[in-house]
Amino acid sequence: MKKTGILNAELSRAIAQMGHGDCLVVADAGLPLPAHLPVIDLAVVAGLPRFADVLAAILTELEVERCLMATEASPALQELAPCPPACVPHTDFKRATQSARVLVRTGETTPYANIALYSGVTF
C-alpha cells in the first residue's frame, strides 16, 4: 500500500506518465468532458472533493512549467495557480482542454474552477 502522496491509483499513474509539455486539466463538476480524453472522475457529491484540495495534492507531485485558466475565473481561484496563469476566454479554455493528456473532474461547483497544468521537468 502506498504510504504518502496521492493515493488514487489512476491519478498517481497519470502524473507519473506526464512528459514535458503534457497537459493535465483539473476541472469543476460542470466542465464538458471531451469524449476522446481519459477522465479521472473524483466527484462524489456537489462540492466534494474541492478544486483547491485536488489541485494542492496534484501540485505536490507534478512539476508545472505553465498553466492556463479562464479569464472568468475569480481572482481567488487564480491565486491557487502554481504560477501566474495565462488567461483566455472560457470558450478558448474549453478548446484547449481538447489536447490534454488527462482530465481530473472534481466535485467543485464554483463557476470556472478549472486549470490546465503543463508539465515541466525537474532537471
Protein backbone atom coordinates (compact mmCIF):
# COMPACT_ATOMS: atom_id res chain seq x y z
CA MET A 1 0.00 0.00 0.00
CA LYS A 2 1.28 3.44 -0.93
CA LYS A 3 2.16 5.35 2.22
CA THR A 4 2.27 9.01 1.14
CA GLY A 5 1.30 11.31 -1.66
CA ILE A 6 -1.65 10.79 -3.94
CA LEU A 7 -3.37 7.51 -3.05
CA ASN A 8 -5.76 7.38 -6.02
CA ALA A 9 -4.04 4.86 -8.30
CA GLU A 10 -5.35 6.33 -11.57
CA LEU A 11 -4.30 9.87 -10.65
CA SER A 12 -0.91 8.79 -9.34
CA ARG A 13 -0.30 6.83 -12.56
CA ALA A 14 -1.40 9.74 -14.77
CA ILE A 15 1.02 12.13 -13.07
CA ALA A 16 3.86 9.62 -13.30
CA GLN A 17 3.23 9.26 -17.05
CA MET A 18 3.34 13.01 -17.77
CA GLY A 19 6.09 14.19 -20.06
CA HIS A 20 7.48 17.67 -20.66
CA GLY A 21 4.73 19.89 -22.04
CA ASP A 22 1.90 17.41 -21.42
CA CYS A 23 -1.33 18.92 -20.11
CA LEU A 24 -3.36 17.78 -17.11
CA VAL A 25 -6.67 19.59 -16.52
CA VAL A 26 -8.23 19.90 -13.07
CA ALA A 27 -11.90 20.64 -13.65
CA ASP A 28 -15.00 21.62 -11.76
CA ALA A 29 -18.07 19.39 -11.85
CA GLY A 30 -19.56 21.19 -14.85
CA LEU A 31 -16.74 21.40 -17.40
CA PRO A 32 -17.65 19.48 -20.57
CA LEU A 33 -15.61 16.28 -20.73
CA PRO A 34 -14.20 15.60 -24.20
CA ALA A 35 -15.23 12.05 -25.18
CA HIS A 36 -11.78 11.16 -26.52
CA LEU A 37 -9.90 12.06 -23.31
CA PRO A 38 -9.25 9.85 -20.32
CA VAL A 39 -11.13 11.24 -17.31
CA ILE A 40 -10.33 10.58 -13.68
CA ASP A 41 -13.64 11.33 -12.03
CA LEU A 42 -13.13 12.11 -8.35
CA ALA A 43 -16.52 13.82 -7.88
CA VAL A 44 -18.56 12.29 -5.07
CA VAL A 45 -21.25 14.89 -4.38
CA ALA A 46 -21.60 18.59 -5.20
CA GLY A 47 -18.65 20.30 -3.55
CA LEU A 48 -16.59 17.18 -2.83
CA PRO A 49 -13.76 16.94 -3.40
CA ARG A 50 -12.99 20.63 -3.68
CA PHE A 51 -10.99 22.02 -6.59
CA ALA A 52 -8.46 23.63 -4.22
CA ASP A 53 -7.76 20.38 -2.38
CA VAL A 54 -7.32 18.29 -5.52
CA LEU A 55 -5.09 20.96 -7.10
CA ALA A 56 -2.95 21.19 -3.95
CA ALA A 57 -2.45 17.42 -3.89
CA ILE A 58 -1.51 17.31 -7.58
CA LEU A 59 0.97 20.15 -7.13
CA THR A 60 2.88 18.12 -4.54
CA GLU A 61 3.73 15.61 -7.28
CA LEU A 62 3.61 17.40 -10.64
CA GLU A 63 6.32 19.78 -11.85
CA VAL A 64 4.40 22.62 -13.53
CA GLU A 65 6.00 24.82 -16.15
CA ARG A 66 2.98 26.96 -17.01
CA CYS A 67 -0.77 26.98 -16.56
CA LEU A 68 -3.93 28.23 -18.23
CA MET A 69 -7.21 29.43 -16.75
CA ALA A 70 -10.34 31.19 -17.97
CA THR A 71 -10.43 34.96 -17.68
CA GLU A 72 -13.80 34.50 -15.98
CA ALA A 73 -12.18 32.68 -13.04
CA SER A 74 -12.25 34.73 -9.85
CA PRO A 75 -9.04 36.27 -8.51
CA ALA A 76 -9.29 33.83 -5.56
CA LEU A 77 -9.21 30.88 -7.99
CA GLN A 78 -6.35 32.42 -9.97
CA GLU A 79 -4.34 32.77 -6.73
CA LEU A 80 -4.40 28.97 -6.38
CA ALA A 81 -2.35 28.60 -9.57
CA PRO A 82 1.25 27.44 -9.07
CA CYS A 83 2.48 30.23 -11.34
CA PRO A 84 0.83 33.28 -12.90
CA PRO A 85 -1.76 31.73 -15.22
CA ALA A 86 -2.20 32.68 -18.84
CA CYS A 87 -5.87 33.64 -19.01
CA VAL A 88 -8.13 33.14 -22.02
CA PRO A 89 -11.90 33.34 -22.50
CA HIS A 90 -13.70 30.27 -21.19
CA THR A 91 -14.60 29.11 -24.72
CA ASP A 92 -10.90 29.11 -25.60
CA PHE A 93 -10.09 27.30 -22.36
CA LYS A 94 -12.57 24.56 -23.26
CA ARG A 95 -10.95 24.30 -26.69
CA ALA A 96 -7.50 23.97 -25.05
CA THR A 97 -8.72 21.03 -22.95
CA GLN A 98 -9.16 19.01 -26.15
CA SER A 99 -5.40 18.37 -26.28
CA ALA A 100 -4.96 17.41 -22.61
CA ARG A 101 -3.39 14.09 -21.70
CA VAL A 102 -5.91 13.61 -18.88
CA LEU A 103 -8.77 15.46 -17.22
CA VAL A 104 -9.40 15.26 -13.47
CA ARG A 105 -13.00 16.03 -12.51
CA THR A 106 -13.67 17.33 -9.01
CA GLY A 107 -16.98 17.93 -7.26
CA GLU A 108 -16.36 21.69 -7.25
CA THR A 109 -19.41 23.84 -8.05
CA THR A 110 -17.71 27.24 -8.09
CA PRO A 111 -18.01 28.62 -11.64
CA TYR A 112 -14.84 28.48 -13.77
CA ALA A 113 -12.85 26.44 -11.21
CA ASN A 114 -10.68 24.86 -13.91
CA ILE A 115 -6.97 24.91 -14.64
CA ALA A 116 -4.75 23.39 -17.30
CA LEU A 117 -1.35 22.43 -15.91
CA TYR A 118 1.52 21.96 -18.35
CA SER A 119 4.24 19.65 -17.11
CA GLY A 120 7.77 20.89 -16.72
CA VAL A 121 10.93 18.93 -15.99
CA THR A 122 12.75 18.51 -12.70
CA PHE A 123 16.23 18.75 -14.18
